[in-house]
Protein backbone atom coordinates (compact mmCIF):
# COMPACT_ATOMS: atom_id res chain seq x y z
CA UNK A 1 -78.94 -29.54 19.04
CA UNK A 2 -81.70 -31.50 20.67
CA UNK A 3 -84.80 -32.70 18.76
CA UNK A 4 -87.24 -30.55 20.87
CA UNK A 5 -85.01 -27.44 20.25
CA UNK A 6 -84.98 -28.07 16.42
CA UNK A 7 -88.73 -28.52 16.28
CA UNK A 8 -89.26 -25.22 18.16
CA UNK A 9 -86.88 -23.40 15.72
CA UNK A 10 -88.70 -24.84 12.78
CA UNK A 11 -91.94 -23.69 14.16
CA UNK A 12 -90.72 -20.23 14.71
CA UNK A 13 -89.41 -19.79 11.16
CA UNK A 14 -92.70 -21.19 9.69
CA UNK A 15 -94.66 -18.59 11.87
CA UNK A 16 -92.40 -15.81 10.80
CA UNK A 17 -92.89 -16.74 7.18
CA UNK A 18 -96.68 -16.72 7.55
CA UNK A 19 -96.52 -13.36 9.35
CA UNK A 20 -94.19 -11.73 6.93
CA UNK A 21 -95.78 -13.01 3.68
CA UNK A 22 -98.53 -10.49 3.42
CA UNK A 23 -95.99 -7.53 3.96
CA UNK A 24 -93.58 -9.13 1.36
CA UNK A 25 -96.65 -9.45 -1.23
CA UNK A 26 -97.59 -5.91 -0.44
CA UNK A 27 -94.09 -4.67 -1.05
CA UNK A 28 -93.84 -6.52 -4.29
CA UNK A 29 -97.26 -5.06 -5.40
CA UNK A 30 -96.07 -1.52 -4.48
CA UNK A 31 -92.86 -1.93 -6.59
CA UNK A 32 -94.94 -3.14 -9.61
CA UNK A 33 -97.45 -0.49 -9.40
CA UNK A 34 -94.64 2.26 -9.25
CA UNK A 35 -93.16 0.69 -12.23
CA UNK A 36 -96.36 0.95 -14.13
CA UNK A 37 -96.84 4.56 -13.18
CA UNK A 38 -93.27 5.53 -14.37
CA UNK A 39 -93.88 3.80 -17.66
CA UNK A 40 -97.45 5.37 -18.16
CA UNK A 41 -96.05 8.87 -17.29
CA UNK A 42 -92.57 8.84 -18.78
CA UNK A 43 -93.29 6.97 -21.93
CA UNK A 44 -97.06 6.92 -22.78
CA UNK A 45 -97.96 10.37 -21.34
CA UNK A 46 -95.06 12.15 -22.70
CA UNK A 47 -95.62 10.50 -26.02
CA UNK A 48 -99.20 11.70 -25.88
CA UNK A 49 -100.43 8.14 -25.86
CA UNK A 50 -103.14 9.15 -23.28
CA UNK A 51 -105.45 6.28 -23.81
CA UNK A 52 -102.60 3.86 -23.20
CA UNK A 53 -101.47 5.67 -20.10
CA UNK A 54 -104.95 5.56 -18.59
CA UNK A 55 -105.38 1.75 -19.40
CA UNK A 56 -101.94 0.97 -17.63
CA UNK A 57 -102.89 3.10 -14.58
CA UNK A 58 -106.26 1.29 -14.30
CA UNK A 59 -104.45 -1.96 -14.65
CA UNK A 60 -102.18 -0.81 -11.83
CA UNK A 61 -105.35 -0.10 -9.65
CA UNK A 62 -106.71 -3.48 -10.15
CA UNK A 63 -103.43 -5.19 -9.32
CA UNK A 64 -103.25 -2.90 -6.11
CA UNK A 65 -106.69 -4.00 -5.09
CA UNK A 66 -105.63 -7.52 -5.14
CA UNK A 67 -102.26 -7.14 -3.73
CA UNK A 68 -103.12 -4.70 -1.14
CA UNK A 69 -100.83 -1.87 -1.96
CA UNK A 70 -100.12 0.92 0.49
CA UNK A 71 -102.15 4.03 0.60
CA UNK A 72 -99.22 5.96 -0.76
CA UNK A 73 -99.23 3.86 -3.87
CA UNK A 74 -102.84 4.29 -4.29
CA UNK A 75 -102.45 8.07 -4.02
CA UNK A 76 -99.76 8.03 -6.64
CA UNK A 77 -101.75 6.07 -9.00
CA UNK A 78 -104.86 8.32 -8.65
CA UNK A 79 -102.77 11.48 -8.97
CA UNK A 80 -101.24 10.20 -12.22
CA UNK A 81 -104.70 9.53 -13.52
CA UNK A 82 -105.82 13.05 -12.35
CA UNK A 83 -102.82 14.52 -14.40
CA UNK A 84 -103.61 12.47 -17.47
CA UNK A 85 -107.29 13.29 -17.50
CA UNK A 86 -106.82 17.03 -16.92
CA UNK A 87 -103.76 17.77 -19.13
CA UNK A 88 -103.87 15.16 -21.66
CA UNK A 89 -107.68 14.50 -22.26
CA UNK A 90 -109.29 17.64 -20.89
CA UNK A 91 -111.63 15.36 -19.00
CA UNK A 92 -111.86 17.76 -16.13
CA UNK A 93 -114.70 16.03 -14.13
CA UNK A 94 -112.71 12.74 -14.34
CA UNK A 95 -109.67 14.52 -13.18
CA UNK A 96 -111.23 15.92 -10.16
CA UNK A 97 -112.69 12.55 -9.17
CA UNK A 98 -109.34 11.03 -9.40
CA UNK A 99 -107.78 13.80 -7.32
CA UNK A 100 -110.38 13.23 -4.65
CA UNK A 101 -109.39 9.53 -4.57
CA UNK A 102 -105.92 10.59 -4.10
CA UNK A 103 -106.62 12.86 -1.22
CA UNK A 104 -108.81 10.21 0.40
CA UNK A 105 -105.80 7.88 0.33
CA UNK A 106 -103.29 10.63 1.41
CA UNK A 107 -104.66 14.01 2.40
CA UNK A 108 -101.14 15.59 2.01
CA UNK A 109 -100.59 14.08 -1.52
CA UNK A 110 -100.06 16.66 -4.42
CA UNK A 111 -99.72 16.15 -8.22
CA UNK A 112 -96.16 15.47 -9.58
CA UNK A 113 -94.47 18.67 -10.06
CA UNK A 114 -92.86 17.57 -13.31
CA UNK A 115 -96.23 17.34 -14.94
CA UNK A 116 -97.91 20.26 -13.22
CA UNK A 117 -99.80 22.56 -15.55
CA UNK A 118 -102.51 25.16 -15.18
CA UNK A 119 -105.25 22.56 -15.97
CA UNK A 120 -103.77 20.13 -13.48
CA UNK A 121 -103.56 22.74 -10.86
CA UNK A 122 -107.17 23.81 -11.36
CA UNK A 123 -108.52 20.23 -11.09
CA UNK A 124 -106.60 19.57 -7.96
CA UNK A 125 -107.53 22.90 -6.30
CA UNK A 126 -111.21 22.07 -7.04
CA UNK A 127 -110.83 18.50 -5.59
CA UNK A 128 -109.14 19.89 -2.57
CA UNK A 129 -111.86 22.41 -2.06
CA UNK A 130 -114.76 19.93 -2.58
CA UNK A 131 -112.98 17.21 -0.28
CA UNK A 132 -112.71 19.85 2.56
CA UNK A 133 -116.26 21.31 1.69
CA UNK A 134 -119.70 20.54 3.01
CA UNK A 135 -119.63 16.95 2.31
CA UNK A 136 -116.31 16.45 4.37
CA UNK A 137 -116.68 14.74 7.81
CA UNK A 138 -116.05 17.05 10.92
CA UNK A 139 -112.44 17.80 11.54
CA UNK A 140 -110.94 15.88 14.47
CA UNK A 141 -110.40 17.69 17.66
CA UNK A 142 -107.54 20.14 17.79
CA UNK A 143 -107.38 20.46 14.10
CA UNK A 144 -107.41 23.94 12.26
CA UNK A 145 -111.04 25.06 11.33
CA UNK A 146 -111.92 26.90 8.01
CA UNK A 147 -112.41 30.67 8.57
CA UNK A 148 -115.39 32.48 7.14
CA UNK A 149 -114.53 35.30 4.51
CA UNK A 150 -116.30 38.60 5.25
CA UNK A 151 -118.68 39.44 2.36
CA UNK A 152 -121.71 41.71 1.51
CA UNK A 153 -122.86 39.89 -1.70
CA UNK A 154 -125.04 41.59 -4.28
CA UNK A 155 -128.52 40.06 -4.63
CA UNK A 156 -129.19 41.34 -8.14
CA UNK A 157 -127.31 42.69 -11.30
CA UNK A 158 -128.48 43.74 -14.70
CA UNK A 159 -127.74 41.54 -17.70
CA UNK A 160 -124.75 42.50 -19.71
CA UNK A 161 -123.14 44.04 -16.50
CA UNK A 162 -120.36 42.12 -14.67
CA UNK A 163 -120.99 40.92 -11.20
CA UNK A 164 -118.47 42.58 -8.51
CA UNK A 165 -117.36 39.78 -5.80
CA UNK A 166 -115.49 41.42 -2.78
CA UNK A 167 -114.37 39.60 0.34
CA UNK A 168 -112.14 40.46 3.38
CA UNK A 169 -109.88 37.88 5.04
CA UNK A 170 -110.34 37.60 8.86
CA UNK A 171 -107.38 38.79 10.83
CA UNK A 172 -104.78 36.05 11.60
CA UNK A 173 -105.57 34.05 8.56
CA UNK A 174 -102.78 34.07 5.88
CA UNK A 175 -103.95 33.65 2.34
CA UNK A 176 -102.03 33.33 -0.93
CA UNK A 177 -104.75 32.72 -3.41
CA UNK A 178 -108.41 33.51 -3.59
CA UNK A 179 -110.77 31.83 -6.26
CA UNK A 180 -114.43 32.56 -7.24
CA UNK A 181 -116.19 29.49 -8.69
CA UNK A 182 -119.33 30.43 -10.52
CA UNK A 183 -122.18 29.00 -12.92
CA UNK A 184 -124.19 31.26 -15.10
CA UNK A 185 -127.81 30.58 -16.06
CA UNK A 186 -126.42 28.97 -19.20
CA UNK A 187 -123.74 26.88 -17.57
CA UNK A 188 -123.74 23.19 -16.53
CA UNK A 189 -120.24 23.27 -15.01
CA UNK A 190 -118.54 25.42 -12.56
CA UNK A 191 -115.97 28.00 -13.96
CA UNK A 192 -113.14 29.49 -11.89
CA UNK A 193 -112.04 33.09 -11.57
CA UNK A 194 -109.06 34.03 -9.51
CA UNK A 195 -109.45 37.50 -7.79
CA UNK A 196 -106.83 39.89 -6.81
CA UNK A 197 -106.06 42.24 -3.74
CA UNK A 198 -108.26 45.24 -3.60
CA UNK A 199 -108.79 47.88 -0.95
CA UNK A 200 -107.75 45.82 1.99
CA UNK A 201 -109.43 42.54 0.67
CA UNK A 202 -109.75 40.65 -2.61
CA UNK A 203 -112.10 41.52 -5.49
CA UNK A 204 -113.01 40.93 -8.97
CA UNK A 205 -115.72 40.92 -11.65
CA UNK A 206 -117.51 37.79 -12.88
CA UNK A 207 -117.10 38.29 -16.62
CA UNK A 208 -119.37 39.39 -19.43
CA UNK A 209 -119.92 35.82 -20.71
CA UNK A 210 -121.75 34.83 -17.54
CA UNK A 211 -124.22 37.57 -17.59
CA UNK A 212 -125.80 37.62 -21.01
CA UNK A 213 -128.86 35.59 -20.06
CA UNK A 214 -131.58 36.39 -17.40
CA UNK A 215 -131.69 34.00 -14.58
CA UNK A 216 -129.89 33.01 -11.37
CA UNK A 217 -126.18 33.15 -11.31
CA UNK A 218 -124.59 31.28 -8.27
CA UNK A 219 -120.96 31.44 -6.95
CA UNK A 220 -118.94 30.87 -3.87
CA UNK A 221 -115.34 31.98 -2.85
CA UNK A 222 -112.52 29.92 -1.46
CA UNK A 223 -109.21 31.12 0.05
CA UNK A 224 -106.11 29.05 0.00
CA UNK A 225 -102.65 29.40 1.86
CA UNK A 226 -99.20 28.71 0.32
CA UNK A 227 -99.80 25.04 0.77
CA UNK A 228 -102.92 25.13 -1.25
CA UNK A 229 -104.84 24.25 1.85
CA UNK A 230 -108.29 25.79 2.11
CA UNK A 231 -108.23 28.28 4.96
CA UNK A 232 -111.31 30.43 4.61
CA UNK A 233 -114.60 30.58 2.37
CA UNK A 234 -117.63 32.32 1.71
CA UNK A 235 -120.43 30.14 0.52
CA UNK A 236 -119.90 26.66 -0.86
CA UNK A 237 -120.98 24.51 -3.78
CA UNK A 238 -123.79 23.07 -1.75
CA UNK A 239 -124.93 26.54 -0.43
CA UNK A 240 -123.59 29.16 -2.98
CA UNK A 241 -124.30 32.83 -3.21
CA UNK A 242 -127.25 33.63 -5.57
CA UNK A 243 -127.57 36.60 -7.84
CA UNK A 244 -130.71 37.35 -9.90
CA UNK A 245 -129.73 38.59 -13.38
CA UNK A 246 -132.48 40.87 -14.68
CA UNK A 247 -132.98 42.98 -17.91
CA UNK A 248 -132.99 46.17 -15.54
CA UNK A 249 -132.64 46.80 -11.71
CA UNK A 250 -133.55 49.72 -9.54
CA UNK A 251 -131.43 51.22 -6.82
CA UNK A 252 -127.64 51.36 -6.37
CA UNK A 253 -125.57 49.64 -9.24
CA UNK A 254 -123.26 47.00 -7.81
CA UNK A 255 -119.62 47.83 -7.63
CA UNK A 256 -116.32 46.95 -5.81
CA UNK A 257 -115.45 49.20 -2.74
CA UNK A 258 -113.95 52.47 -3.91
CA UNK A 259 -114.71 51.84 -7.57
CA UNK A 260 -117.43 52.93 -10.05
CA UNK A 261 -119.85 50.40 -11.18
CA UNK A 262 -118.43 48.26 -14.12
CA UNK A 263 -119.18 49.49 -17.71
CA UNK A 264 -121.83 47.50 -19.52
CA UNK A 265 -120.63 44.49 -21.85
CA UNK A 266 -121.11 44.68 -25.61
CA UNK A 267 -124.50 43.49 -26.75
CA UNK A 268 -124.89 41.28 -29.85
CA UNK A 269 -126.27 43.26 -32.78
CA UNK A 270 -129.69 42.28 -33.84
CA UNK A 271 -130.08 42.59 -37.64
CA UNK A 272 -133.23 42.57 -39.76
CA UNK A 273 -134.03 38.99 -41.02
CA UNK A 274 -134.60 38.37 -44.78
CA UNK A 275 -134.87 35.84 -47.49
CA UNK A 276 -133.91 37.86 -50.53
CA UNK A 277 -132.28 41.42 -51.22
CA UNK A 278 -135.77 42.84 -51.66
CA UNK A 279 -136.52 42.27 -48.01
CA UNK A 280 -133.69 44.64 -46.92
CA UNK A 281 -133.95 48.58 -46.92
CA UNK A 282 -131.73 51.02 -48.66
CA UNK A 283 -128.08 49.64 -49.52
CA UNK A 284 -128.40 46.50 -47.60
CA UNK A 285 -128.21 43.04 -48.88
CA UNK A 286 -129.33 39.67 -47.67
CA UNK A 287 -126.47 37.53 -46.51
CA UNK A 288 -127.15 34.34 -44.45
CA UNK A 289 -130.89 35.42 -43.92
CA UNK A 290 -129.74 38.75 -42.33
CA UNK A 291 -129.49 42.28 -43.81
CA UNK A 292 -125.99 43.66 -43.99
CA UNK A 293 -124.47 46.80 -45.42
CA UNK A 294 -123.17 45.88 -48.91
CA UNK A 295 -120.16 47.94 -48.40
CA UNK A 296 -119.16 45.78 -45.61
CA UNK A 297 -118.81 42.67 -47.88
CA UNK A 298 -115.38 41.80 -49.22
CA UNK A 299 -115.39 41.83 -53.00
CA UNK A 300 -113.13 39.52 -55.02
CA UNK A 301 -110.64 41.25 -57.27
CA UNK A 302 -111.24 40.32 -60.87
CA UNK A 303 -107.57 40.46 -62.00
CA UNK A 304 -105.98 39.06 -58.85
CA UNK A 305 -104.75 35.41 -58.92
CA UNK A 306 -105.47 33.27 -55.84
CA UNK A 307 -102.50 33.53 -53.39
CA UNK A 308 -100.41 30.41 -53.18
CA UNK A 309 -98.93 30.12 -49.60
CA UNK A 310 -97.70 26.41 -49.83
CA UNK A 311 -94.08 26.26 -48.48
CA UNK A 312 -92.27 24.83 -51.45
CA UNK A 313 -88.45 24.93 -51.71
CA UNK A 314 -87.69 26.46 -55.25
CA UNK A 315 -83.84 26.17 -55.23
CA UNK A 316 -82.27 22.75 -54.90
CA UNK A 317 -78.62 21.84 -54.41
CA UNK A 318 -77.66 18.11 -54.86
CA UNK A 319 -74.45 15.91 -54.45
CA UNK A 320 -74.52 12.52 -56.34
CA UNK A 321 -72.47 9.44 -57.31
CA UNK A 322 -72.76 7.75 -60.68
CA UNK A 323 -71.09 4.80 -62.33
CA UNK A 324 -71.12 4.37 -66.16
CA UNK A 325 -72.33 1.02 -67.45
CA UNK A 326 -71.47 0.89 -71.27
CA UNK A 327 -73.01 -1.61 -73.52
CA UNK A 328 -70.30 -3.10 -75.86
CA UNK A 329 -70.64 -5.31 -78.97
CA UNK A 330 -68.25 -7.88 -80.32
CA UNK A 331 -65.09 -6.56 -82.00
CA UNK A 332 -62.91 -8.62 -84.34
CA UNK A 333 -59.93 -6.45 -84.28
CA UNK A 334 -59.53 -5.23 -80.82
CA UNK A 335 -55.82 -4.94 -79.87
CA UNK A 336 -53.74 -4.56 -83.09
CA UNK A 337 -51.54 -1.33 -83.23
CA UNK A 338 -53.81 -0.17 -86.11
CA UNK A 339 -57.02 -0.64 -84.25
CA UNK A 340 -55.57 1.08 -81.08
CA UNK A 341 -54.17 3.89 -83.02
CA UNK A 342 -57.31 4.69 -85.17
CA UNK A 343 -60.17 3.59 -83.02
CA UNK A 344 -61.59 4.02 -79.52
CA UNK A 345 -60.09 0.92 -78.00
CA UNK A 346 -56.89 0.58 -75.91
CA UNK A 347 -55.33 -2.70 -74.55
CA UNK A 348 -53.16 -2.83 -71.48
CA UNK A 349 -51.34 -5.45 -69.32
CA UNK A 350 -52.21 -5.43 -65.54
CA UNK A 351 -50.84 -2.27 -64.09
CA UNK A 352 -51.83 -0.27 -66.96
CA UNK A 353 -48.81 -1.25 -69.05
CA UNK A 354 -49.70 -0.58 -72.77
CA UNK A 355 -49.78 -3.61 -74.98
CA UNK A 356 -47.81 -2.97 -78.17
CA UNK A 357 -47.66 -6.39 -79.62
CA UNK A 358 -49.24 -7.61 -82.87
CA UNK A 359 -51.89 -10.33 -82.15
CA UNK A 360 -52.87 -13.07 -84.62
CA UNK A 361 -55.86 -12.14 -86.84
CA UNK A 362 -59.16 -13.75 -86.35
CA UNK A 363 -59.85 -15.70 -83.00
CA UNK A 364 -56.57 -14.51 -81.54
CA UNK A 365 -57.64 -10.83 -81.47
CA UNK A 366 -61.35 -10.58 -80.73
CA UNK A 367 -63.30 -8.86 -77.99
CA UNK A 368 -66.57 -10.33 -76.75
CA UNK A 369 -69.23 -7.78 -76.13
CA UNK A 370 -71.05 -7.15 -72.78
CA UNK A 371 -71.53 -4.43 -70.12
CA UNK A 372 -68.34 -2.80 -69.13
CA UNK A 373 -67.96 -0.80 -65.89
CA UNK A 374 -65.25 1.86 -66.00
CA UNK A 375 -65.48 5.39 -65.24
CA UNK A 376 -67.23 6.80 -62.21
CA UNK A 377 -68.23 10.28 -61.50
CA UNK A 378 -69.05 12.57 -58.65
CA UNK A 379 -71.70 15.20 -59.70
CA UNK A 380 -72.83 18.51 -57.89
CA UNK A 381 -76.03 19.96 -59.08
CA UNK A 382 -78.35 22.89 -58.99
CA UNK A 383 -82.15 22.92 -59.93
CA UNK A 384 -84.82 25.57 -60.13
CA UNK A 385 -88.47 24.81 -59.41
CA UNK A 386 -90.79 26.45 -62.13
CA UNK A 387 -94.30 26.42 -61.10
CA UNK A 388 -95.22 23.24 -59.05
CA UNK A 389 -93.98 20.35 -61.34
CA UNK A 390 -91.06 21.40 -63.63
CA UNK A 391 -87.32 21.85 -62.62
CA UNK A 392 -84.57 23.11 -64.86
CA UNK A 393 -80.96 22.78 -63.75
CA UNK A 394 -77.32 21.80 -64.30
CA UNK A 395 -74.78 19.33 -63.13
CA UNK A 396 -70.92 19.66 -63.05
CA UNK A 397 -68.50 16.86 -61.92
CA UNK A 398 -65.45 14.95 -62.12
CA UNK A 399 -65.04 11.34 -63.49
CA UNK A 400 -62.27 8.93 -62.27
CA UNK A 401 -61.21 5.29 -63.03
CA UNK A 402 -61.14 6.39 -66.83
CA UNK A 403 -58.97 5.00 -69.57
CA UNK A 404 -55.22 5.30 -68.98
CA UNK A 405 -53.20 7.41 -71.49
CA UNK A 406 -53.56 5.88 -74.85
CA UNK A 407 -51.20 5.73 -77.97
CA UNK A 408 -50.28 9.14 -79.46
CA UNK A 409 -50.67 10.75 -76.02
CA UNK A 410 -54.54 10.58 -76.00
CA UNK A 411 -55.75 11.32 -72.50
CA UNK A 412 -59.20 10.59 -70.93
CA UNK A 413 -61.31 13.82 -70.27
CA UNK A 414 -62.56 13.59 -66.74
CA UNK A 415 -64.59 16.78 -66.66
CA UNK A 416 -68.43 16.47 -66.79
CA UNK A 417 -71.15 19.25 -67.56
CA UNK A 418 -74.74 18.93 -68.44
CA UNK A 419 -77.89 20.79 -68.55
CA UNK A 420 -81.32 19.10 -67.68
CA UNK A 421 -84.84 19.42 -67.28
CA UNK A 422 -87.24 17.26 -65.10
CA UNK A 423 -91.09 16.87 -64.91
CA UNK A 424 -92.36 15.76 -61.57
CA UNK A 425 -95.47 13.38 -61.33
CA UNK A 426 -98.09 13.75 -58.57
CA UNK A 427 -100.20 16.48 -57.03
CA UNK A 428 -97.92 19.44 -56.05
CA UNK A 429 -95.01 17.22 -55.06
CA UNK A 430 -92.82 19.91 -53.51
CA UNK A 431 -95.29 21.17 -51.09
CA UNK A 432 -94.97 17.92 -49.05
CA UNK A 433 -92.65 15.15 -47.91
CA UNK A 434 -92.67 11.70 -49.21
CA UNK A 435 -92.21 9.97 -52.55
CA UNK A 436 -91.60 12.42 -55.60
CA UNK A 437 -91.18 10.58 -59.01
CA UNK A 438 -90.04 12.36 -62.05
CA UNK A 439 -88.96 11.98 -65.74
CA UNK A 440 -85.94 13.79 -67.09
CA UNK A 441 -84.09 14.78 -70.28
CA UNK A 442 -80.53 15.82 -70.24
CA UNK A 443 -77.38 16.46 -72.51
CA UNK A 444 -73.91 17.84 -72.22
CA UNK A 445 -70.19 17.26 -72.26
CA UNK A 446 -68.51 14.04 -71.03
CA UNK A 447 -66.33 11.14 -71.89
CA UNK A 448 -67.16 7.56 -70.81
CA UNK A 449 -64.70 4.57 -70.33
CA UNK A 450 -65.57 0.96 -70.25
CA UNK A 451 -63.25 -1.95 -69.30
CA UNK A 452 -63.51 -5.77 -70.43
CA UNK A 453 -60.93 -8.31 -70.35
CA UNK A 454 -59.93 -10.50 -73.21
CA UNK A 455 -57.18 -12.83 -74.45
CA UNK A 456 -54.88 -12.28 -77.51
CA UNK A 457 -52.74 -14.77 -79.26
CA UNK A 458 -49.26 -13.91 -80.72
CA UNK A 459 -46.70 -15.78 -82.74
CA UNK A 460 -43.69 -16.57 -80.58
CA UNK A 461 -41.23 -16.74 -83.39
CA UNK A 462 -40.42 -20.33 -83.15
CA UNK A 463 -43.68 -21.72 -84.74
CA UNK A 464 -45.71 -21.58 -81.47
CA UNK A 465 -48.22 -19.21 -79.98
CA UNK A 466 -48.23 -17.01 -76.82
CA UNK A 467 -51.29 -16.02 -75.00
CA UNK A 468 -51.83 -12.68 -73.27
CA UNK A 469 -54.70 -11.62 -70.86
CA UNK A 470 -55.42 -8.03 -71.35
CA UNK A 471 -57.80 -5.20 -70.25
CA UNK A 472 -59.50 -3.62 -73.05
CA UNK A 473 -60.85 0.07 -72.64
CA UNK A 474 -63.35 1.46 -74.78
CA UNK A 475 -63.70 5.31 -74.78
CA UNK A 476 -66.81 7.08 -75.91
CA UNK A 477 -68.00 10.70 -76.24
CA UNK A 478 -67.16 13.56 -75.69
CA UNK A 479 -70.80 14.71 -75.89
CA UNK A 480 -74.01 12.94 -74.95
CA UNK A 481 -77.88 13.30 -74.82
CA UNK A 482 -80.07 11.12 -72.69
CA UNK A 483 -83.31 10.57 -70.77
CA UNK A 484 -84.21 8.74 -67.71
CA UNK A 485 -86.40 8.40 -64.53
CA UNK A 486 -85.88 9.10 -60.91
CA UNK A 487 -87.47 9.61 -57.49
CA UNK A 488 -87.00 11.89 -54.59
CA UNK A 489 -87.51 10.34 -51.10
CA UNK A 490 -88.20 13.52 -49.31
CA UNK A 491 -87.88 12.93 -45.49
CA UNK A 492 -89.09 16.61 -45.07
CA UNK A 493 -90.19 19.26 -47.71
CA UNK A 494 -86.72 20.45 -48.00
CA UNK A 495 -84.44 17.28 -47.71
CA UNK A 496 -84.61 14.32 -49.95
CA UNK A 497 -82.57 11.22 -51.03
CA UNK A 498 -82.19 10.93 -54.91
CA UNK A 499 -82.36 7.74 -56.86
CA UNK A 500 -82.08 7.93 -60.61
CA UNK A 501 -81.52 5.79 -63.69
CA UNK A 502 -80.69 7.55 -66.96
CA UNK A 503 -79.71 6.40 -70.47
CA UNK A 504 -77.14 8.17 -72.51
CA UNK A 505 -76.17 8.19 -76.11
CA UNK A 506 -72.45 9.09 -76.38
CA UNK A 507 -71.43 11.09 -79.50
CA UNK A 508 -69.69 11.25 -81.90
CA UNK A 509 -68.02 7.97 -80.83
CA UNK A 510 -71.30 6.26 -80.17
CA UNK A 511 -71.88 3.95 -77.30
CA UNK A 512 -75.20 3.38 -75.16
CA UNK A 513 -74.49 4.08 -71.64
CA UNK A 514 -76.65 3.17 -68.47
CA UNK A 515 -75.96 5.72 -65.68
CA UNK A 516 -77.55 4.90 -62.28
CA UNK A 517 -76.99 7.42 -59.58
CA UNK A 518 -77.50 7.81 -55.81
CA UNK A 519 -77.44 11.22 -54.09
CA UNK A 520 -78.96 13.70 -51.69
CA UNK A 521 -80.71 17.12 -52.38
CA UNK A 522 -81.56 19.96 -50.27
CA UNK A 523 -83.96 22.72 -50.91
CA UNK A 524 -83.48 26.44 -50.11
């Protein structure tokens, strides 16, 4: 390629980059803004983090203003803001303003259907009506105009009587929804009233709450098609219909076509004012500076206790695991045949083979004390809540890893049964989730086994000594009494993890035992 041709190609590429750069930047800004919209709506809005959603959408607006996003993206951001303001924050004026901005960016835009609620639809309808109302620029040539609803408005109405509103749709105009927006003398904001089909048109009554005060009530009527486009109206926000509300009116009472005048609204009861019972006549008494009938007052029942409606679970089922940690003292004669036959110790080679030899006395047959781990048990329990802080219950279970069969055919008893009571600390702990500490006392039937290792020496018969390493089992029980502490960690008022540490005194073969446990409890 010649040098002039290469230069021309380079200039063309450079010019294309300059021309396409704004488009690339705008596309990138659109993508970033759409990502923020998805995060704000799918994560923050659905998690009810409304302030975070608004902050993210405002940030997206600022980024779009710098990056020159498309009108569709601006409309999407304002639409999302309108949804959050109306459905999430009940900030209806802000919602209407946001939807107006959306329609300015894209007149055909609508709120996302996935988040559409009655409040969102109401704010959008109002924004659409106001955007197409008196303040809108004239429609371009050839566009559809807004028809005028036929109406004969009433000029006055008596207070505490609903105001009838009736309109007829011009022929050729298709209508799916007709809405009256009104303000009473006491209102600062417009209220909305959908009206239904009536006698060839649409009619309804502006309700009692709007006609309690004398003054001027204003309203206007808007008709929409199936696309929620405004197709006809009677009056506008700028030039509404006006109805004088008076204490009384003369002449014909306002009514809908073919209907009798609406019934009067209930009036507030005006009672006599008072300061003491002496100011009230007859059997009336003074309550909150007003005279009322004494018979209408609710009298407390003397013998009736206050009703307790707190949702406590009173029947608790539990399942737990508990190892036995036995505290053993030094023993000078551990593994001799006599000690194994008469005492609570039993010695074994590995594999639970009984040791039947005769160790040398003294240092050749001693057991050093310590904490022995042996038997472990699985426990099923039931507890009944008495009042708000006391439970009474029972545990049954099975122990394993106990002492192997001993001399004379003695066998380990694996069955466990106990009765217990617990006092729970804190203010009404079973009425809530969270931490529930308690203290307990228990007693029952059980046998505990503990295992330690020791070495014994024997005479080998030729003047020497043999050394054996043995497992020594200490068996205690078969009864116990104890006390301890524990805690429920309740993930809900009816379900809790259970951690407990109890001390047991084994009887009649005494041994102190530490019994930690871990379990789960469920309330019914």
